[in-house]
Amino acid sequence: MDQSEEARLLFGLIHLHGRIQRKLSGALSVHGLALSEYLVLTELADAPNQTMRRVDLAERVGLTASGVTRLLNPMEKIGLVEKSSGARDARVSLVTLSSAGHRLLGEAGTTVNHVAETLLGHLSRARRQDLSKLLHAMLPPA
């Protein structure tokens, strides 16, 4: 089958994504975290008051609302996050990063930085900046 240049590029990006995901998943397992759990912790850490609505968190990490609930339940049981209802609307489910979650995120962040340096360190600073610009152009903020 004859693929367009764009299709070949997309499949190259998919291959790269898979490689990055495998490397990060393996490295994060040392901390007892899955990549999706790490993404939840980073989103919460960056949120105002380290709290987000469950549906917003699901959207940010690319999961359905029920998928993020299934992910959060064990995280809550081991104390990485805390769930609560919204002050104005009890139907709104909020998720907050706990102090234990914040601590684990810091430890895992060191590992993630090491993996990132391993995968991207061979690129010059200028190339990394170009890549960052390309990614931002392809995936504008939501």
C-alpha atoms as a PDB file:
ATOM      1  CA  MET A   1       0.000   0.000   0.000  1.00  0.00           C
ATOM      2  CA  ASP A   2       1.271   3.435  -0.920  1.00  0.00           C
ATOM      3  CA  GLN A   3       1.134   5.756   2.108  1.00  0.00           C
ATOM      4  CA  SER A   4       1.284   9.503   1.967  1.00  0.00           C
ATOM      5  CA  GLU A   5       4.127  11.354   3.607  1.00  0.00           C
ATOM      6  CA  GLU A   6       1.682  12.493   6.288  1.00  0.00           C
ATOM      7  CA  ALA A   7       0.567   8.914   7.015  1.00  0.00           C
ATOM      8  CA  ARG A   8       4.183   7.745   7.310  1.00  0.00           C
ATOM      9  CA  LEU A   9       4.864  10.617   9.698  1.00  0.00           C
ATOM     10  CA  LEU A  10       1.834   9.719  11.819  1.00  0.00           C
ATOM     11  CA  PHE A  11       2.935   6.095  12.052  1.00  0.00           C
ATOM     12  CA  GLY A  12       6.408   7.246  12.992  1.00  0.00           C
ATOM     13  CA  LEU A  13       4.900   9.324  15.793  1.00  0.00           C
ATOM     14  CA  ILE A  14       2.851   6.325  16.951  1.00  0.00           C
ATOM     15  CA  HIS A  15       5.995   4.174  17.010  1.00  0.00           C
ATOM     16  CA  LEU A  16       7.840   6.870  18.990  1.00  0.00           C
ATOM     17  CA  HIS A  17       4.915   7.198  21.397  1.00  0.00           C
ATOM     18  CA  GLY A  18       4.984   3.459  22.046  1.00  0.00           C
ATOM     19  CA  ARG A  19       8.713   3.510  22.746  1.00  0.00           C
ATOM     20  CA  ILE A  20       8.401   6.444  25.131  1.00  0.00           C
ATOM     21  CA  GLN A  21       5.431   4.853  26.880  1.00  0.00           C
ATOM     22  CA  ARG A  22       7.262   1.536  27.373  1.00  0.00           C
ATOM     23  CA  LYS A  23      10.368   3.265  28.771  1.00  0.00           C
ATOM     24  CA  LEU A  24       8.371   5.463  31.146  1.00  0.00           C
ATOM     25  CA  SER A  25       6.106   2.619  32.266  1.00  0.00           C
ATOM     26  CA  GLY A  26       9.041   0.416  33.112  1.00  0.00           C
ATOM     27  CA  ALA A  27      10.825   3.168  34.988  1.00  0.00           C
ATOM     28  CA  LEU A  28       7.727   4.254  36.940  1.00  0.00           C
ATOM     29  CA  SER A  29       6.984   0.695  38.028  1.00  0.00           C
ATOM     30  CA  VAL A  30       9.949   1.037  40.421  1.00  0.00           C
ATOM     31  CA  HIS A  31       7.800   3.581  42.281  1.00  0.00           C
ATOM     32  CA  GLY A  32       4.699   1.390  42.125  1.00  0.00           C
ATOM     33  CA  LEU A  33       3.081   3.735  39.613  1.00  0.00           C
ATOM     34  CA  ALA A  34       1.550   3.186  36.214  1.00  0.00           C
ATOM     35  CA  LEU A  35       2.072   5.919  33.624  1.00  0.00           C
ATOM     36  CA  SER A  36      -1.607   6.901  33.803  1.00  0.00           C
ATOM     37  CA  GLU A  37      -1.323   7.314  37.587  1.00  0.00           C
ATOM     38  CA  TYR A  38       1.753   9.500  37.160  1.00  0.00           C
ATOM     39  CA  LEU A  39      -0.164  11.646  34.664  1.00  0.00           C
ATOM     40  CA  VAL A  40      -2.995  12.059  37.192  1.00  0.00           C
ATOM     41  CA  LEU A  41      -0.543  13.138  39.878  1.00  0.00           C
ATOM     42  CA  THR A  42       1.142  15.678  37.579  1.00  0.00           C
ATOM     43  CA  GLU A  43      -2.180  17.172  36.482  1.00  0.00           C
ATOM     44  CA  LEU A  44      -3.272  17.536  40.100  1.00  0.00           C
ATOM     45  CA  ALA A  45       0.060  19.054  41.100  1.00  0.00           C
ATOM     46  CA  ASP A  46      -0.338  21.718  38.408  1.00  0.00           C
ATOM     47  CA  ALA A  47      -3.997  22.483  39.231  1.00  0.00           C
ATOM     48  CA  PRO A  48      -5.066  25.386  41.449  1.00  0.00           C
ATOM     49  CA  ASN A  49      -5.121  24.158  45.069  1.00  0.00           C
ATOM     50  CA  GLN A  50      -3.956  20.818  43.633  1.00  0.00           C
ATOM     51  CA  THR A  51      -7.635  19.989  43.103  1.00  0.00           C
ATOM     52  CA  MET A  52      -9.621  19.221  39.965  1.00  0.00           C
ATOM     53  CA  ARG A  53     -13.079  18.061  39.053  1.00  0.00           C
ATOM     54  CA  ARG A  54     -12.998  14.364  38.229  1.00  0.00           C
ATOM     55  CA  VAL A  55     -14.425  14.967  34.730  1.00  0.00           C
ATOM     56  CA  ASP A  56     -11.788  17.616  33.969  1.00  0.00           C
ATOM     57  CA  LEU A  57      -9.046  15.307  35.190  1.00  0.00           C
ATOM     58  CA  ALA A  58     -10.371  12.522  32.962  1.00  0.00           C
ATOM     59  CA  GLU A  59     -10.257  14.806  29.943  1.00  0.00           C
ATOM     60  CA  ARG A  60      -6.715  16.019  30.723  1.00  0.00           C
ATOM     61  CA  VAL A  61      -5.303  12.477  30.974  1.00  0.00           C
ATOM     62  CA  GLY A  62      -7.308  11.082  28.051  1.00  0.00           C
ATOM     63  CA  LEU A  63      -9.666   8.795  29.963  1.00  0.00           C
ATOM     64  CA  THR A  64     -13.416   8.530  30.258  1.00  0.00           C
ATOM     65  CA  ALA A  65     -15.061   9.667  33.487  1.00  0.00           C
ATOM     66  CA  SER A  66     -15.617   6.041  34.512  1.00  0.00           C
ATOM     67  CA  GLY A  67     -12.055   5.135  33.508  1.00  0.00           C
ATOM     68  CA  VAL A  68     -10.578   7.837  35.715  1.00  0.00           C
ATOM     69  CA  THR A  69     -12.833   6.743  38.584  1.00  0.00           C
ATOM     70  CA  ARG A  70     -11.485   3.179  38.287  1.00  0.00           C
ATOM     71  CA  LEU A  71      -7.957   4.599  38.256  1.00  0.00           C
ATOM     72  CA  LEU A  72      -8.557   6.884  41.246  1.00  0.00           C
ATOM     73  CA  ASN A  73     -10.140   4.309  43.575  1.00  0.00           C
ATOM     74  CA  PRO A  74      -6.910   2.398  44.343  1.00  0.00           C
ATOM     75  CA  MET A  75      -4.958   5.679  44.394  1.00  0.00           C
ATOM     76  CA  GLU A  76      -7.325   6.946  47.079  1.00  0.00           C
ATOM     77  CA  LYS A  77      -7.036   3.706  49.062  1.00  0.00           C
ATOM     78  CA  ILE A  78      -3.252   4.022  49.284  1.00  0.00           C
ATOM     79  CA  GLY A  79      -3.455   7.721  50.102  1.00  0.00           C
ATOM     80  CA  LEU A  80      -2.129   9.360  46.932  1.00  0.00           C
ATOM     81  CA  VAL A  81      -5.309  11.350  46.282  1.00  0.00           C
ATOM     82  CA  GLU A  82      -8.369  12.408  48.236  1.00  0.00           C
ATOM     83  CA  LYS A  83     -11.871  12.596  46.789  1.00  0.00           C
ATOM     84  CA  SER A  84     -14.616  14.926  47.927  1.00  0.00           C
ATOM     85  CA  SER A  85     -17.855  16.521  46.744  1.00  0.00           C
ATOM     86  CA  GLY A  86     -18.059  20.069  45.470  1.00  0.00           C
ATOM     87  CA  ALA A  87     -19.007  22.729  48.027  1.00  0.00           C
ATOM     88  CA  ARG A  88     -21.707  24.219  45.787  1.00  0.00           C
ATOM     89  CA  ASP A  89     -22.903  21.028  44.102  1.00  0.00           C
ATOM     90  CA  ALA A  90     -22.646  17.633  45.806  1.00  0.00           C
ATOM     91  CA  ARG A  91     -22.903  15.943  42.390  1.00  0.00           C
ATOM     92  CA  VAL A  92     -19.496  17.359  41.432  1.00  0.00           C
ATOM     93  CA  SER A  93     -16.688  15.007  42.392  1.00  0.00           C
ATOM     94  CA  LEU A  94     -13.368  16.663  43.252  1.00  0.00           C
ATOM     95  CA  VAL A  95      -9.942  15.052  43.459  1.00  0.00           C
ATOM     96  CA  THR A  96      -7.068  16.521  45.476  1.00  0.00           C
ATOM     97  CA  LEU A  97      -3.415  15.546  45.530  1.00  0.00           C
ATOM     98  CA  SER A  98      -2.487  14.322  49.023  1.00  0.00           C
ATOM     99  CA  SER A  99       0.831  15.027  50.708  1.00  0.00           C
ATOM    100  CA  ALA A 100       1.832  11.380  50.124  1.00  0.00           C
ATOM    101  CA  GLY A 101       0.931  11.764  46.445  1.00  0.00           C
ATOM    102  CA  HIS A 102       2.988  14.935  46.244  1.00  0.00           C
ATOM    103  CA  ARG A 103       5.984  13.175  47.816  1.00  0.00           C
ATOM    104  CA  LEU A 104       5.727  10.191  45.464  1.00  0.00           C
ATOM    105  CA  LEU A 105       5.364  12.523  42.490  1.00  0.00           C
ATOM    106  CA  GLY A 106       8.651  14.203  43.437  1.00  0.00           C
ATOM    107  CA  GLU A 107      10.456  10.877  43.658  1.00  0.00           C
ATOM    108  CA  ALA A 108       8.959   9.598  40.408  1.00  0.00           C
ATOM    109  CA  GLY A 109       9.695  12.925  38.715  1.00  0.00           C
ATOM    110  CA  THR A 110      13.413  12.324  39.175  1.00  0.00           C
ATOM    111  CA  THR A 111      13.008   9.007  37.374  1.00  0.00           C
ATOM    112  CA  VAL A 112      10.959  10.589  34.581  1.00  0.00           C
ATOM    113  CA  ASN A 113      13.635  13.270  34.111  1.00  0.00           C
ATOM    114  CA  HIS A 114      16.270  10.545  33.790  1.00  0.00           C
ATOM    115  CA  VAL A 115      14.216   8.685  31.158  1.00  0.00           C
ATOM    116  CA  ALA A 116      13.637  11.942  29.269  1.00  0.00           C
ATOM    117  CA  GLU A 117      17.372  12.669  29.250  1.00  0.00           C
ATOM    118  CA  THR A 118      18.066   9.127  28.045  1.00  0.00           C
ATOM    119  CA  LEU A 119      15.561   9.409  25.186  1.00  0.00           C
ATOM    120  CA  LEU A 120      16.170  13.020  24.169  1.00  0.00           C
ATOM    121  CA  GLY A 121      19.616  13.869  25.498  1.00  0.00           C
ATOM    122  CA  HIS A 122      21.312  13.040  22.199  1.00  0.00           C
ATOM    123  CA  LEU A 123      19.443  15.920  20.538  1.00  0.00           C
ATOM    124  CA  SER A 124      21.014  19.351  20.639  1.00  0.00           C
ATOM    125  CA  ARG A 125      19.275  22.033  22.677  1.00  0.00           C
ATOM    126  CA  ALA A 126      18.223  23.757  19.444  1.00  0.00           C
ATOM    127  CA  ARG A 127      16.661  20.530  18.108  1.00  0.00           C
ATOM    128  CA  ARG A 128      14.795  19.952  21.392  1.00  0.00           C
ATOM    129  CA  GLN A 129      13.467  23.513  21.203  1.00  0.00           C
ATOM    130  CA  ASP A 130      12.409  22.971  17.568  1.00  0.00           C
ATOM    131  CA  LEU A 131      10.671  19.735  18.555  1.00  0.00           C
ATOM    132  CA  SER A 132       8.876  21.509  21.392  1.00  0.00           C
ATOM    133  CA  LYS A 133       7.666  24.223  18.993  1.00  0.00           C
ATOM    134  CA  LEU A 134       6.423  21.585  16.539  1.00  0.00           C
ATOM    135  CA  LEU A 135       4.546  19.731  19.257  1.00  0.00           C
ATOM    136  CA  HIS A 136       2.886  22.930  20.441  1.00  0.00           C
ATOM    137  CA  ALA A 137       1.929  23.808  16.864  1.00  0.00           C
ATOM    138  CA  MET A 138       0.399  20.352  16.336  1.00  0.00           C
ATOM    139  CA  LEU A 139      -1.352  20.132  19.709  1.00  0.00           C
ATOM    140  CA  PRO A 140      -2.530  23.585  20.799  1.00  0.00           C
ATOM    141  CA  PRO A 141      -3.725  23.940  24.410  1.00  0.00           C
ATOM    142  CA  ALA A 142      -7.235  22.603  25.045  1.00  0.00           C
END
